[in-house]
Amino acid sequence: MSYETNNIFAKILRGEIPTQRLYEDDFALAFPDIAPNAPTHVLVIPKGPYARYDDFIALASNAQIVGFFRAVRTVAAQLGASDYRLITNNGEGAGQSVQHFHAHILAGKKLGALLPND
């Protein structure tokens, strides 16, 4: 999948759209979700042009992949979240609404089943 350089997360990374930067290092940026689904709902995005998880794993260096996931763990610890849900959606059919790979950290309350039972 090609990367759209004008997606909202790319604009946040470039500083064109302001956000509360909760964490930032060479590999990732974390900020609050604007429409939280839990008392704690933070997004973590890699600093690179990856449209989705598959692109990130296929194209990022090992250092970028490890750095990103270590950043996720660091953010969760800074939030005081020992129990949390980590979600990433791979493509629009899975619910991905911004075409820049990102992970959601949700915490702050007991979370129910990931998917409703049919």
C-alpha atoms as a PDB file:
ATOM      1  CA  MET A   1       0.000   0.000   0.000  1.00  0.00           C
ATOM      2  CA  SER A   2       1.325   3.458  -0.839  1.00  0.00           C
ATOM      3  CA  TYR A   3       1.738   5.982   1.927  1.00  0.00           C
ATOM      4  CA  GLU A   4      -0.321   9.201   1.847  1.00  0.00           C
ATOM      5  CA  THR A   5       2.014  11.948   3.089  1.00  0.00           C
ATOM      6  CA  ASN A   6      -0.863  14.261   4.030  1.00  0.00           C
ATOM      7  CA  ASN A   7      -2.634  11.963   6.495  1.00  0.00           C
ATOM      8  CA  ILE A   8      -3.353  13.496   9.894  1.00  0.00           C
ATOM      9  CA  PHE A   9      -0.603  11.559  11.697  1.00  0.00           C
ATOM     10  CA  ALA A  10       2.015  12.607   9.126  1.00  0.00           C
ATOM     11  CA  LYS A  11       0.925  16.206   9.717  1.00  0.00           C
ATOM     12  CA  ILE A  12       1.228  15.714  13.491  1.00  0.00           C
ATOM     13  CA  LEU A  13       4.739  14.292  13.049  1.00  0.00           C
ATOM     14  CA  ARG A  14       5.722  17.328  10.954  1.00  0.00           C
ATOM     15  CA  GLY A  15       4.268  19.701  13.569  1.00  0.00           C
ATOM     16  CA  GLU A  16       1.581  21.015  11.209  1.00  0.00           C
ATOM     17  CA  ILE A  17      -1.179  19.899  13.581  1.00  0.00           C
ATOM     18  CA  PRO A  18      -0.601  20.487  17.286  1.00  0.00           C
ATOM     19  CA  THR A  19      -1.052  17.698  19.796  1.00  0.00           C
ATOM     20  CA  GLN A  20      -0.143  16.970  23.387  1.00  0.00           C
ATOM     21  CA  ARG A  21       3.084  15.020  23.022  1.00  0.00           C
ATOM     22  CA  LEU A  22       3.069  12.527  25.880  1.00  0.00           C
ATOM     23  CA  TYR A  23       6.221  10.744  24.715  1.00  0.00           C
ATOM     24  CA  GLU A  24       8.658  11.123  21.861  1.00  0.00           C
ATOM     25  CA  ASP A  25      11.945   9.520  20.904  1.00  0.00           C
ATOM     26  CA  ASP A  26      13.770   8.682  17.669  1.00  0.00           C
ATOM     27  CA  PHE A  27      11.294   5.931  16.830  1.00  0.00           C
ATOM     28  CA  ALA A  28       7.832   6.955  18.040  1.00  0.00           C
ATOM     29  CA  LEU A  29       5.455   9.676  19.152  1.00  0.00           C
ATOM     30  CA  ALA A  30       2.598   9.170  21.636  1.00  0.00           C
ATOM     31  CA  PHE A  31      -0.406  11.441  22.159  1.00  0.00           C
ATOM     32  CA  PRO A  32      -3.969  11.211  23.532  1.00  0.00           C
ATOM     33  CA  ASP A  33      -6.702   9.926  21.223  1.00  0.00           C
ATOM     34  CA  ILE A  34      -9.183  12.716  20.381  1.00  0.00           C
ATOM     35  CA  ALA A  35     -12.140  10.319  20.776  1.00  0.00           C
ATOM     36  CA  PRO A  36     -11.156   8.090  23.710  1.00  0.00           C
ATOM     37  CA  ASN A  37     -12.763   4.687  24.209  1.00  0.00           C
ATOM     38  CA  ALA A  38     -11.380   4.236  27.736  1.00  0.00           C
ATOM     39  CA  PRO A  39     -10.296   6.565  30.561  1.00  0.00           C
ATOM     40  CA  THR A  40      -6.761   6.198  29.211  1.00  0.00           C
ATOM     41  CA  HIS A  41      -6.566   6.055  25.415  1.00  0.00           C
ATOM     42  CA  VAL A  42      -3.239   6.952  23.844  1.00  0.00           C
ATOM     43  CA  LEU A  43      -2.005   6.529  20.280  1.00  0.00           C
ATOM     44  CA  VAL A  44       1.578   5.594  19.503  1.00  0.00           C
ATOM     45  CA  ILE A  45       2.820   6.163  15.953  1.00  0.00           C
ATOM     46  CA  PRO A  46       6.164   5.303  14.400  1.00  0.00           C
ATOM     47  CA  LYS A  47       8.310   8.024  12.898  1.00  0.00           C
ATOM     48  CA  GLY A  48       8.252   6.730   9.368  1.00  0.00           C
ATOM     49  CA  PRO A  49       6.007   6.433   6.316  1.00  0.00           C
ATOM     50  CA  TYR A  50       4.209   3.182   7.099  1.00  0.00           C
ATOM     51  CA  ALA A  51       0.560   3.001   6.050  1.00  0.00           C
ATOM     52  CA  ARG A  52      -0.283  -0.120   8.043  1.00  0.00           C
ATOM     53  CA  TYR A  53       1.168  -2.828  10.272  1.00  0.00           C
ATOM     54  CA  ASP A  54       2.123  -5.032   7.303  1.00  0.00           C
ATOM     55  CA  ASP A  55       4.115  -2.153   5.767  1.00  0.00           C
ATOM     56  CA  PHE A  56       5.828  -1.408   9.066  1.00  0.00           C
ATOM     57  CA  ILE A  57       6.951  -5.009   9.592  1.00  0.00           C
ATOM     58  CA  ALA A  58       8.023  -5.429   5.953  1.00  0.00           C
ATOM     59  CA  LEU A  59       9.810  -2.098   5.474  1.00  0.00           C
ATOM     60  CA  ALA A  60      11.069  -0.816   8.830  1.00  0.00           C
ATOM     61  CA  SER A  61      14.501  -1.729  10.094  1.00  0.00           C
ATOM     62  CA  ASN A  62      14.849  -4.073  13.046  1.00  0.00           C
ATOM     63  CA  ALA A  63      15.938  -1.071  15.133  1.00  0.00           C
ATOM     64  CA  GLN A  64      12.786   0.838  14.155  1.00  0.00           C
ATOM     65  CA  ILE A  65      10.521  -2.104  14.984  1.00  0.00           C
ATOM     66  CA  VAL A  66      12.146  -2.770  18.346  1.00  0.00           C
ATOM     67  CA  GLY A  67      12.324   0.958  19.125  1.00  0.00           C
ATOM     68  CA  PHE A  68       8.624   1.406  18.364  1.00  0.00           C
ATOM     69  CA  PHE A  69       7.471  -1.468  20.554  1.00  0.00           C
ATOM     70  CA  ARG A  70       9.791  -0.425  23.373  1.00  0.00           C
ATOM     71  CA  ALA A  71       8.258   3.046  23.123  1.00  0.00           C
ATOM     72  CA  VAL A  72       4.794   1.484  23.485  1.00  0.00           C
ATOM     73  CA  ARG A  73       5.928  -0.252  26.677  1.00  0.00           C
ATOM     74  CA  THR A  74       7.531   2.942  27.995  1.00  0.00           C
ATOM     75  CA  VAL A  75       4.352   4.929  27.354  1.00  0.00           C
ATOM     76  CA  ALA A  76       2.211   2.335  29.134  1.00  0.00           C
ATOM     77  CA  ALA A  77       4.563   2.456  32.124  1.00  0.00           C
ATOM     78  CA  GLN A  78       4.525   6.272  32.177  1.00  0.00           C
ATOM     79  CA  LEU A  79       0.726   6.146  32.177  1.00  0.00           C
ATOM     80  CA  GLY A  80       0.824   3.820  35.178  1.00  0.00           C
ATOM     81  CA  ALA A  81      -0.955   1.150  33.167  1.00  0.00           C
ATOM     82  CA  SER A  82       0.006  -2.337  34.295  1.00  0.00           C
ATOM     83  CA  ASP A  83      -3.117  -3.792  32.676  1.00  0.00           C
ATOM     84  CA  TYR A  84      -3.873  -2.414  29.248  1.00  0.00           C
ATOM     85  CA  ARG A  85      -5.115  -3.365  25.820  1.00  0.00           C
ATOM     86  CA  LEU A  86      -2.880  -2.801  22.814  1.00  0.00           C
ATOM     87  CA  ILE A  87      -4.773  -2.588  19.520  1.00  0.00           C
ATOM     88  CA  THR A  88      -3.639  -2.056  15.974  1.00  0.00           C
ATOM     89  CA  ASN A  89      -5.848  -2.398  12.912  1.00  0.00           C
ATOM     90  CA  ASN A  90      -4.344  -3.478   9.596  1.00  0.00           C
ATOM     91  CA  GLY A  91      -6.398  -1.871   6.811  1.00  0.00           C
ATOM     92  CA  GLU A  92      -9.800  -0.271   6.448  1.00  0.00           C
ATOM     93  CA  GLY A  93     -11.617  -3.625   6.578  1.00  0.00           C
ATOM     94  CA  ALA A  94     -10.200  -4.114  10.074  1.00  0.00           C
ATOM     95  CA  GLY A  95     -11.239  -0.640  11.218  1.00  0.00           C
ATOM     96  CA  GLN A  96      -8.096   1.376  10.450  1.00  0.00           C
ATOM     97  CA  SER A  97      -9.284   4.944   9.854  1.00  0.00           C
ATOM     98  CA  VAL A  98      -5.936   6.740   9.466  1.00  0.00           C
ATOM     99  CA  GLN A  99      -3.556   5.231   6.946  1.00  0.00           C
ATOM    100  CA  HIS A 100      -0.459   5.591   9.121  1.00  0.00           C
ATOM    101  CA  PHE A 101       0.410   2.566  11.241  1.00  0.00           C
ATOM    102  CA  HIS A 102      -0.442   3.195  14.877  1.00  0.00           C
ATOM    103  CA  ALA A 103      -1.176   1.379  18.100  1.00  0.00           C
ATOM    104  CA  HIS A 104      -3.854   2.229  20.651  1.00  0.00           C
ATOM    105  CA  ILE A 105      -3.126   1.826  24.356  1.00  0.00           C
ATOM    106  CA  LEU A 106      -6.383   1.555  26.320  1.00  0.00           C
ATOM    107  CA  ALA A 107      -6.482   1.359  30.113  1.00  0.00           C
ATOM    108  CA  GLY A 108      -8.008   2.869  33.222  1.00  0.00           C
ATOM    109  CA  LYS A 109     -10.969   0.547  33.628  1.00  0.00           C
ATOM    110  CA  LYS A 110     -11.780  -3.116  33.282  1.00  0.00           C
ATOM    111  CA  LEU A 111     -12.181  -3.711  29.564  1.00  0.00           C
ATOM    112  CA  GLY A 112     -14.784  -6.134  28.301  1.00  0.00           C
ATOM    113  CA  ALA A 113     -14.478  -8.719  25.573  1.00  0.00           C
ATOM    114  CA  LEU A 114     -12.514  -7.589  22.565  1.00  0.00           C
ATOM    115  CA  LEU A 115     -15.289  -8.645  20.212  1.00  0.00           C
ATOM    116  CA  PRO A 116     -18.938  -9.114  21.125  1.00  0.00           C
ATOM    117  CA  ASN A 117     -20.177 -12.699  21.217  1.00  0.00           C
ATOM    118  CA  ASP A 118     -22.677 -13.516  18.509  1.00  0.00           C
END
